[in-house]
Amino acid sequence: MISTHHEREDVYVVLRADLFHAADAPLETLVTAKQVVRSQELAEREVARLNAMHPDGQVRYWYAHSRLFPPGRSASSVEAPA
């Protein structure tokens, strides 16, 4: 859904945690953004599909809501320079 008021699009990020790394591994080596999709339903289906492929629990998938701003815009920018 595109919000014209805030000029952003709601998206869902499918995330992956590699739990087979050592317990003291830096967080940034454990978590990866796998893909971004535009519907919560698609994110839910993809997470279920991916988790079913890893029943041992050493790799886990989940999704998180986020926002995608148009090129040259961000949550804090008013106007991008020309």
Protein backbone atom coordinates (compact mmCIF):
# COMPACT_ATOMS: atom_id res chain seq x y z
CA MET A 1 0.00 0.00 0.00
CA ILE A 2 1.35 3.44 -0.90
CA SER A 3 0.75 6.19 1.60
CA THR A 4 0.53 9.51 -0.22
CA HIS A 5 0.62 11.46 3.03
CA HIS A 6 4.04 10.16 3.98
CA GLU A 7 5.21 9.27 0.44
CA ARG A 8 6.24 5.77 1.39
CA GLU A 9 5.30 2.21 0.58
CA ASP A 10 4.71 -0.40 3.27
CA VAL A 11 6.87 -3.47 2.63
CA TYR A 12 7.79 -6.66 4.47
CA VAL A 13 11.37 -7.82 4.87
CA VAL A 14 11.97 -11.57 5.06
CA LEU A 15 14.84 -12.11 7.49
CA ARG A 16 17.08 -15.13 8.04
CA ALA A 17 18.98 -16.08 11.20
CA ASP A 18 21.83 -18.58 10.86
CA LEU A 19 21.84 -20.14 14.32
CA PHE A 20 24.62 -22.62 13.51
CA HIS A 21 27.31 -19.95 14.06
CA ALA A 22 29.21 -19.80 17.36
CA ALA A 23 27.29 -18.25 20.25
CA ASP A 24 29.68 -15.30 20.39
CA ALA A 25 29.40 -14.52 16.65
CA PRO A 26 28.57 -10.88 15.88
CA LEU A 27 24.86 -10.31 15.29
CA GLU A 28 25.50 -8.94 11.79
CA THR A 29 26.91 -12.34 10.76
CA LEU A 30 23.83 -14.15 12.04
CA VAL A 31 21.02 -12.14 10.44
CA THR A 32 20.47 -11.50 6.73
CA ALA A 33 17.67 -9.70 4.90
CA LYS A 34 16.70 -12.30 2.31
CA GLN A 35 14.11 -10.37 0.35
CA VAL A 36 11.57 -7.56 0.43
CA VAL A 37 7.96 -8.18 -0.60
CA ARG A 38 4.96 -5.89 -0.88
CA SER A 39 2.34 -7.90 0.98
CA GLN A 40 2.16 -9.35 4.46
CA GLU A 41 0.40 -12.43 3.10
CA LEU A 42 3.28 -13.15 0.71
CA ALA A 43 5.80 -12.63 3.51
CA GLU A 44 3.91 -15.06 5.76
CA ARG A 45 3.78 -17.73 3.03
CA GLU A 46 7.46 -17.33 2.19
CA VAL A 47 8.49 -17.55 5.86
CA ALA A 48 6.42 -20.73 6.31
CA ARG A 49 7.91 -22.26 3.15
CA LEU A 50 11.49 -21.44 4.12
CA ASN A 51 11.13 -22.60 7.73
CA ALA A 52 9.68 -25.91 6.49
CA MET A 53 12.93 -26.43 4.56
CA HIS A 54 14.94 -26.19 7.82
CA PRO A 55 13.14 -28.37 10.38
CA ASP A 56 16.27 -28.67 12.53
CA GLY A 57 15.90 -25.01 13.56
CA GLN A 58 19.50 -24.10 12.71
CA VAL A 59 18.19 -21.57 10.17
CA ARG A 60 15.12 -19.52 11.06
CA TYR A 61 13.07 -17.12 8.96
CA TRP A 62 10.65 -14.39 10.02
CA TYR A 63 9.39 -11.13 8.55
CA ALA A 64 9.26 -7.55 9.71
CA HIS A 65 7.25 -4.58 8.49
CA SER A 66 9.23 -1.67 7.05
CA ARG A 67 8.80 1.31 4.75
CA LEU A 68 10.21 1.95 1.30
CA PHE A 69 10.67 5.59 0.39
CA PRO A 70 10.81 6.87 -3.20
CA PRO A 71 14.26 7.55 -4.69
CA GLY A 72 15.81 10.66 -3.18
CA ARG A 73 13.53 10.57 -0.12
CA SER A 74 13.85 9.10 3.34
CA ALA A 75 12.13 9.29 6.68
CA SER A 76 14.17 12.37 7.59
CA SER A 77 14.57 14.13 4.25
CA VAL A 78 12.34 16.95 3.12
CA GLU A 79 13.52 17.27 -0.44
CA ALA A 80 16.40 15.67 -2.28
CA PRO A 81 18.87 18.06 -3.90
CA ALA A 82 18.48 18.42 -7.65
